[in-house]
Amino acid sequence: MVLKLYVVSDGPPSLSVRQALALLEVPCQQVDVDFGAGDHMTDEYALMNPQKEIPVLDDDGFFLSESNAILQYICDKYSPGTPLYPQDPKIRAVVNHRLCFNLSTYYANISAYTMAPIFFDYERTPLGLKKVHIALDVFNTYLSRAGTTHAAADHLTIADFPLINSTMTLEAIDFDFSKYEKVSTWYEDFKKDYPELWKISADAMKEIKHFAANPPDLTHMDHPIHPIRKVKK
């Protein structure tokens, strides 16, 4: 049975898994989840993922959510030994660290500033901006101290994908992060060195830019966590 991946077209976690599948050439059926229609909020979707978040991987009835776990699973099952998820304990530990850092700090703080105000009733505040700069500064420090060409090693790993897509949302709202030289160089090198993988991110960035200019009406959605922005008539 071919893998199924339930994705949202502009969601950084979905993009990261798509990039890994593309690079590893793992056959996969992509199932687009209509976020605006609330497809992920249904009881049927909750059977796959009680968190009602996207993406979800369906491997012949084995459902796996959380993009970090999906990235690790894909590598271990479908391409064991791939440099994308190195076997060396120390290098793998750094990869795992960068994945955790993105989830806990980098994407958490950046998306709250870039994505949440587009889709939900959140504002871009001075505190939110400060958290973005802290996240960028920490990542810049990691890159500087490691001295590697990529996020976790001197070659591409699954750690690069989530961090690239988090950073992409900054570009989507025209946020200037050029003063973080290591981050900026790493980001631009990814575009140049992996054009086919970057295209996945670039297409999503166009969507984010569109939604930023034309915020979607989600007032029909009963979201348990995020407050829905009331659309001005």
Protein backbone atom coordinates (compact mmCIF):
# COMPACT_ATOMS: atom_id res chain seq x y z
CA MET A 1 0.00 0.00 0.00
CA VAL A 2 1.28 3.46 -0.94
CA LEU A 3 1.84 5.86 1.91
CA LYS A 4 -0.69 8.63 2.40
CA LEU A 5 0.26 12.02 3.75
CA TYR A 6 -2.45 14.41 4.87
CA VAL A 7 -1.13 17.92 4.34
CA VAL A 8 -2.06 21.58 4.27
CA SER A 9 -0.51 23.28 1.26
CA ASP A 10 1.10 26.21 3.08
CA GLY A 11 1.90 24.60 6.43
CA PRO A 12 5.61 24.46 7.31
CA PRO A 13 5.35 21.03 9.05
CA SER A 14 3.64 19.57 5.96
CA LEU A 15 6.22 21.13 3.66
CA SER A 16 9.09 19.60 5.61
CA VAL A 17 7.72 16.07 5.30
CA ARG A 18 6.99 16.58 1.62
CA GLN A 19 10.60 17.65 1.05
CA ALA A 20 11.98 14.56 2.77
CA LEU A 21 9.69 12.25 0.79
CA ALA A 22 10.66 13.98 -2.45
CA LEU A 23 14.39 13.75 -1.80
CA LEU A 24 14.19 10.10 -0.74
CA GLU A 25 11.89 9.33 -3.68
CA VAL A 26 9.42 7.51 -1.43
CA PRO A 27 6.09 6.97 -3.26
CA CYS A 28 3.34 8.78 -1.40
CA GLN A 29 -0.21 9.87 -2.07
CA GLN A 30 -0.71 13.44 -0.95
CA VAL A 31 -4.12 14.17 0.53
CA ASP A 32 -4.84 17.89 0.73
CA VAL A 33 -6.65 18.96 3.88
CA ASP A 34 -8.82 22.04 3.42
CA PHE A 35 -7.87 24.05 6.49
CA GLY A 36 -10.30 26.84 5.71
CA ALA A 37 -13.19 24.38 5.53
CA GLY A 38 -12.15 22.81 8.82
CA ASP A 39 -11.45 19.34 7.38
CA HIS A 40 -8.98 18.74 10.22
CA MET A 41 -11.59 19.47 12.88
CA THR A 42 -13.88 16.56 12.04
CA ASP A 43 -14.43 13.43 14.12
CA GLU A 44 -13.14 11.36 11.20
CA TYR A 45 -9.85 13.26 11.16
CA ALA A 46 -9.55 12.90 14.93
CA LEU A 47 -9.47 9.12 14.50
CA MET A 48 -6.12 9.61 12.76
CA ASN A 49 -4.91 12.42 15.00
CA PRO A 50 -6.74 13.38 18.20
CA GLN A 51 -4.73 16.63 18.22
CA LYS A 52 -6.47 17.53 14.95
CA GLU A 53 -3.24 18.92 13.58
CA ILE A 54 -1.58 18.55 10.20
CA PRO A 55 0.28 16.60 8.81
CA VAL A 56 -0.64 12.98 9.45
CA LEU A 57 1.05 9.98 7.85
CA ASP A 58 -0.96 6.86 7.06
CA ASP A 59 1.28 3.84 6.50
CA ASP A 60 -1.23 1.07 5.80
CA GLY A 61 -3.32 1.96 8.85
CA PHE A 62 -0.42 3.07 11.02
CA PHE A 63 -1.19 6.70 11.74
CA LEU A 64 1.59 9.02 12.80
CA SER A 65 1.36 12.72 13.53
CA GLU A 66 3.98 15.28 14.59
CA SER A 67 6.20 16.16 11.64
CA ASN A 68 9.44 15.47 13.53
CA ALA A 69 8.35 11.91 14.26
CA ILE A 70 7.20 11.47 10.66
CA LEU A 71 10.56 12.66 9.31
CA GLN A 72 12.44 10.24 11.56
CA TYR A 73 10.10 7.35 10.74
CA ILE A 74 10.35 7.86 6.98
CA CYS A 75 14.14 7.80 7.10
CA ASP A 76 14.39 4.79 9.43
CA LYS A 77 11.85 2.68 7.57
CA TYR A 78 12.25 3.65 3.93
CA SER A 79 15.89 4.74 3.71
CA PRO A 80 17.86 3.33 6.66
CA GLY A 81 21.36 4.71 6.79
CA THR A 82 20.49 7.78 4.75
CA PRO A 83 22.71 10.82 5.40
CA LEU A 84 19.46 12.73 5.92
CA TYR A 85 19.23 11.06 9.34
CA PRO A 86 22.78 9.94 10.19
CA GLN A 87 23.48 6.84 12.26
CA ASP A 88 26.44 8.37 14.09
CA PRO A 89 25.13 8.97 17.64
CA LYS A 90 26.60 12.45 18.02
CA ILE A 91 25.53 13.72 14.61
CA ARG A 92 22.07 12.20 15.06
CA ALA A 93 21.85 13.84 18.47
CA VAL A 94 22.50 17.24 16.89
CA VAL A 95 19.86 16.54 14.25
CA ASN A 96 17.39 15.60 16.97
CA HIS A 97 18.36 18.71 18.92
CA ARG A 98 17.70 21.00 15.96
CA LEU A 99 14.33 19.34 15.39
CA CYS A 100 13.43 19.90 19.04
CA PHE A 101 14.76 23.46 18.96
CA ASN A 102 12.61 24.27 15.96
CA LEU A 103 9.51 22.80 17.59
CA SER A 104 9.98 24.30 21.05
CA THR A 105 11.49 27.67 20.24
CA TYR A 106 12.17 28.62 16.64
CA TYR A 107 8.91 27.72 14.90
CA ALA A 108 6.92 28.27 18.08
CA ASN A 109 8.01 31.89 18.39
CA ILE A 110 8.22 32.69 14.69
CA SER A 111 4.86 31.23 13.67
CA ALA A 112 3.14 33.03 16.53
CA TYR A 113 4.35 36.26 14.92
CA THR A 114 4.10 35.36 11.22
CA MET A 115 1.27 32.86 10.76
CA ALA A 116 -1.10 33.16 13.72
CA PRO A 117 -2.09 36.80 13.03
CA ILE A 118 -2.98 35.89 9.46
CA PHE A 119 -5.39 33.11 10.33
CA PHE A 120 -6.50 33.79 13.90
CA ASP A 121 -7.22 36.60 16.34
CA TYR A 122 -3.63 37.32 17.32
CA GLU A 123 -1.65 40.54 17.07
CA ARG A 124 2.00 41.18 16.32
CA THR A 125 3.23 42.66 19.58
CA PRO A 126 6.59 44.02 20.77
CA LEU A 127 6.93 40.93 22.97
CA GLY A 128 6.25 38.67 20.02
CA LEU A 129 8.84 40.53 17.99
CA LYS A 130 11.37 40.17 20.81
CA LYS A 131 10.79 36.40 20.87
CA VAL A 132 11.41 36.21 17.11
CA HIS A 133 14.73 38.01 17.49
CA ILE A 134 15.72 35.77 20.40
CA ALA A 135 14.97 32.67 18.31
CA LEU A 136 16.95 33.99 15.36
CA ASP A 137 19.87 34.98 17.58
CA VAL A 138 20.01 31.54 19.21
CA PHE A 139 19.90 29.75 15.86
CA ASN A 140 22.56 32.08 14.51
CA THR A 141 24.71 31.17 17.51
CA TYR A 142 24.22 27.44 16.94
CA LEU A 143 25.29 27.79 13.31
CA SER A 144 28.28 29.92 14.25
CA ARG A 145 29.53 27.60 16.99
CA ALA A 146 29.01 24.43 14.95
CA GLY A 147 30.72 25.90 11.90
CA THR A 148 28.70 23.60 9.64
CA THR A 149 27.27 24.42 6.22
CA HIS A 150 23.87 23.07 7.20
CA ALA A 151 21.71 23.16 10.32
CA ALA A 152 23.19 20.06 11.95
CA ALA A 153 26.08 18.85 9.79
CA ASP A 154 28.14 19.63 6.70
CA HIS A 155 25.40 18.11 4.56
CA LEU A 156 21.63 18.21 4.32
CA THR A 157 19.67 16.48 7.08
CA ILE A 158 16.02 16.37 8.05
CA ALA A 159 16.81 19.13 10.55
CA ASP A 160 17.18 21.63 7.73
CA PHE A 161 13.64 21.23 6.41
CA PRO A 162 11.63 22.46 9.43
CA LEU A 163 14.08 25.29 10.09
CA ILE A 164 13.99 26.39 6.44
CA ASN A 165 10.20 26.44 6.42
CA SER A 166 9.99 28.34 9.68
CA THR A 167 12.37 30.93 8.25
CA MET A 168 10.39 31.03 5.02
CA THR A 169 7.39 32.43 6.90
CA LEU A 170 9.54 35.41 7.88
CA GLU A 171 10.29 36.11 4.24
CA ALA A 172 6.59 35.69 3.47
CA ILE A 173 5.76 38.73 5.61
CA ASP A 174 8.84 40.67 4.40
CA PHE A 175 10.62 40.39 7.74
CA ASP A 176 14.27 41.43 7.39
CA PHE A 177 16.54 38.96 9.20
CA SER A 178 19.69 39.74 7.20
CA LYS A 179 21.58 40.90 10.29
CA TYR A 180 21.66 37.28 11.41
CA GLU A 181 24.37 36.51 8.92
CA LYS A 182 24.75 32.77 9.53
CA VAL A 183 21.00 32.19 9.29
CA SER A 184 20.72 34.35 6.19
CA THR A 185 23.61 32.60 4.42
CA TRP A 186 22.31 29.13 5.30
CA TYR A 187 18.82 30.08 4.09
CA GLU A 188 20.00 31.53 0.77
CA ASP A 189 22.37 28.60 0.19
CA PHE A 190 19.45 26.19 0.58
CA LYS A 191 17.55 28.02 -2.15
CA LYS A 192 20.56 27.92 -4.45
CA ASP A 193 21.73 24.37 -3.73
CA TYR A 194 18.33 22.60 -3.60
CA PRO A 195 16.07 24.38 -6.10
CA GLU A 196 13.56 21.53 -6.41
CA LEU A 197 13.17 21.29 -2.64
CA TRP A 198 13.01 25.05 -2.32
CA LYS A 199 10.21 25.17 -4.90
CA ILE A 200 8.00 23.31 -2.41
CA SER A 201 8.62 26.09 0.11
CA ALA A 202 8.42 28.89 -2.45
CA ASP A 203 5.00 27.80 -3.70
CA ALA A 204 3.73 27.80 -0.12
CA MET A 205 5.23 31.23 0.49
CA LYS A 206 3.13 32.61 -2.36
CA GLU A 207 0.03 31.27 -0.65
CA ILE A 208 1.02 32.79 2.69
CA LYS A 209 1.61 36.15 1.02
CA HIS A 210 -1.83 35.94 -0.56
CA PHE A 211 -3.51 35.14 2.76
CA ALA A 212 -1.58 37.91 4.48
CA ALA A 213 -3.06 40.37 1.99
CA ASN A 214 -6.47 38.67 2.01
CA PRO A 215 -7.08 37.12 5.47
CA PRO A 216 -9.43 34.13 5.24
CA ASP A 217 -12.79 34.11 7.01
CA LEU A 218 -12.65 31.28 9.56
CA THR A 219 -15.58 32.38 11.68
CA HIS A 220 -17.44 29.20 10.74
CA MET A 221 -14.73 27.11 12.41
CA ASP A 222 -15.01 26.08 16.06
CA HIS A 223 -11.33 25.84 16.97
CA PRO A 224 -10.64 24.55 20.50
CA ILE A 225 -7.32 26.38 20.93
CA HIS A 226 -7.00 29.41 18.69
CA PRO A 227 -9.43 32.33 18.96
CA ILE A 228 -11.13 33.06 15.64
CA ARG A 229 -10.75 36.58 14.33
CA LYS A 230 -14.04 38.33 13.69
CA VAL A 231 -14.19 39.57 10.13
CA LYS A 232 -15.02 43.23 9.77
CA LYS A 233 -18.10 43.79 7.65
